Structure formats: C-alpha cells, structure tokens
C-alpha cells in the first residue's frame, strides 16, 4: 500500500511538473507580448500569471506536507 501511494505520488508530481511548465511558458509569453505591444490588459495578464504562480506554490506546499505526513 505504501509503495503504491508513493508510485502514484511520483506519477502525479511528474504530470504536475510537465503541466506547470507548459502553463508557465504560456502565461509568461502572453504577459511578455502584452507588455511589448502596450495592450490595455497588462494588469489582467499580470494577475493571471501571479495567480498561477500562487496556486503552483500552494500545491507544492501541499505535496510536501503530504509526503512528510506519509513517512
């Protein structure tokens, strides 16, 4: 049971890392293009990027807590 939980956790972490990298690149490119083109939605793009980073950090903290509690 314990090894099954670890295997699922590792797979989930790998998938999360891949998806986070993809979304980070997308949000960053959108923000960069908004800044370069002087779009009026720069504030909206910045908020979306900061929300994404905040959610990513919270998920990493939750993963860490779960890993510590399962040991």
Protein backbone atom coordinates (compact mmCIF):
# COMPACT_ATOMS: atom_id res chain seq x y z
CA UNK A 1 0.00 0.00 0.00
CA UNK A 2 2.74 2.45 0.96
CA UNK A 3 4.67 1.82 -2.25
CA UNK A 4 1.50 2.23 -4.31
CA UNK A 5 0.89 5.62 -2.73
CA UNK A 6 4.48 6.65 -3.44
CA UNK A 7 4.25 5.48 -7.07
CA UNK A 8 1.01 7.37 -7.62
CA UNK A 9 2.55 10.41 -5.91
CA UNK A 10 5.61 10.31 -8.15
CA UNK A 11 3.49 9.98 -11.30
CA UNK A 12 1.24 12.82 -10.17
CA UNK A 13 4.26 15.02 -9.39
CA UNK A 14 5.77 14.37 -12.82
CA UNK A 15 2.49 15.19 -14.57
CA UNK A 16 2.10 18.31 -12.43
CA UNK A 17 5.62 19.45 -13.32
CA UNK A 18 5.00 18.98 -17.05
CA UNK A 19 1.66 20.80 -16.98
CA UNK A 20 3.05 23.59 -14.79
CA UNK A 21 5.98 24.13 -17.14
CA UNK A 22 3.66 24.31 -20.15
CA UNK A 23 1.27 26.75 -18.44
CA UNK A 24 4.12 28.86 -17.09
CA UNK A 25 5.56 29.30 -20.58
CA UNK A 26 2.13 30.16 -21.99
CA UNK A 27 1.26 32.72 -19.32
CA UNK A 28 4.73 34.27 -19.47
CA UNK A 29 4.59 34.61 -23.27
CA UNK A 30 1.12 36.19 -23.05
CA UNK A 31 2.39 38.65 -20.46
CA UNK A 32 5.52 39.47 -22.49
CA UNK A 33 3.50 40.08 -25.65
CA UNK A 34 1.07 42.31 -23.74
CA UNK A 35 3.95 44.37 -22.37
CA UNK A 36 5.68 44.66 -25.75
CA UNK A 37 2.50 45.65 -27.58
CA UNK A 38 1.30 48.00 -24.84
CA UNK A 39 -2.07 46.26 -24.53
CA UNK A 40 -4.54 47.65 -22.02
CA UNK A 41 -4.95 44.20 -20.45
CA UNK A 42 -1.44 44.09 -18.95
CA UNK A 43 -2.89 44.22 -15.44
CA UNK A 44 -5.21 41.29 -16.20
CA UNK A 45 -2.33 39.24 -17.64
CA UNK A 46 -0.17 40.05 -14.60
CA UNK A 47 -2.93 38.95 -12.22
CA UNK A 48 -3.41 35.68 -14.13
CA UNK A 49 0.32 34.96 -14.02
CA UNK A 50 0.58 35.78 -10.31
CA UNK A 51 -2.47 33.63 -9.56
CA UNK A 52 -0.90 30.74 -11.46
CA UNK A 53 2.36 31.11 -9.53
CA UNK A 54 0.49 31.30 -6.21
CA UNK A 55 -1.52 28.16 -6.95
CA UNK A 56 1.64 26.35 -8.03
CA UNK A 57 3.38 27.26 -4.78
CA UNK A 58 0.36 26.16 -2.72
CA UNK A 59 0.25 22.78 -4.50
CA UNK A 60 3.98 22.29 -3.90
CA UNK A 61 3.48 23.06 -0.20
CA UNK A 62 0.59 20.56 -0.03
CA UNK A 63 2.69 17.88 -1.76
CA UNK A 64 5.48 18.48 0.74
CA UNK A 65 3.12 18.24 3.72
CA UNK A 66 1.57 15.02 2.38
CA UNK A 67 4.99 13.47 1.77
CA UNK A 68 6.14 14.41 5.28
CA UNK A 69 2.96 13.00 6.86
CA UNK A 70 3.16 9.71 4.94
CA UNK A 71 6.70 8.90 6.11
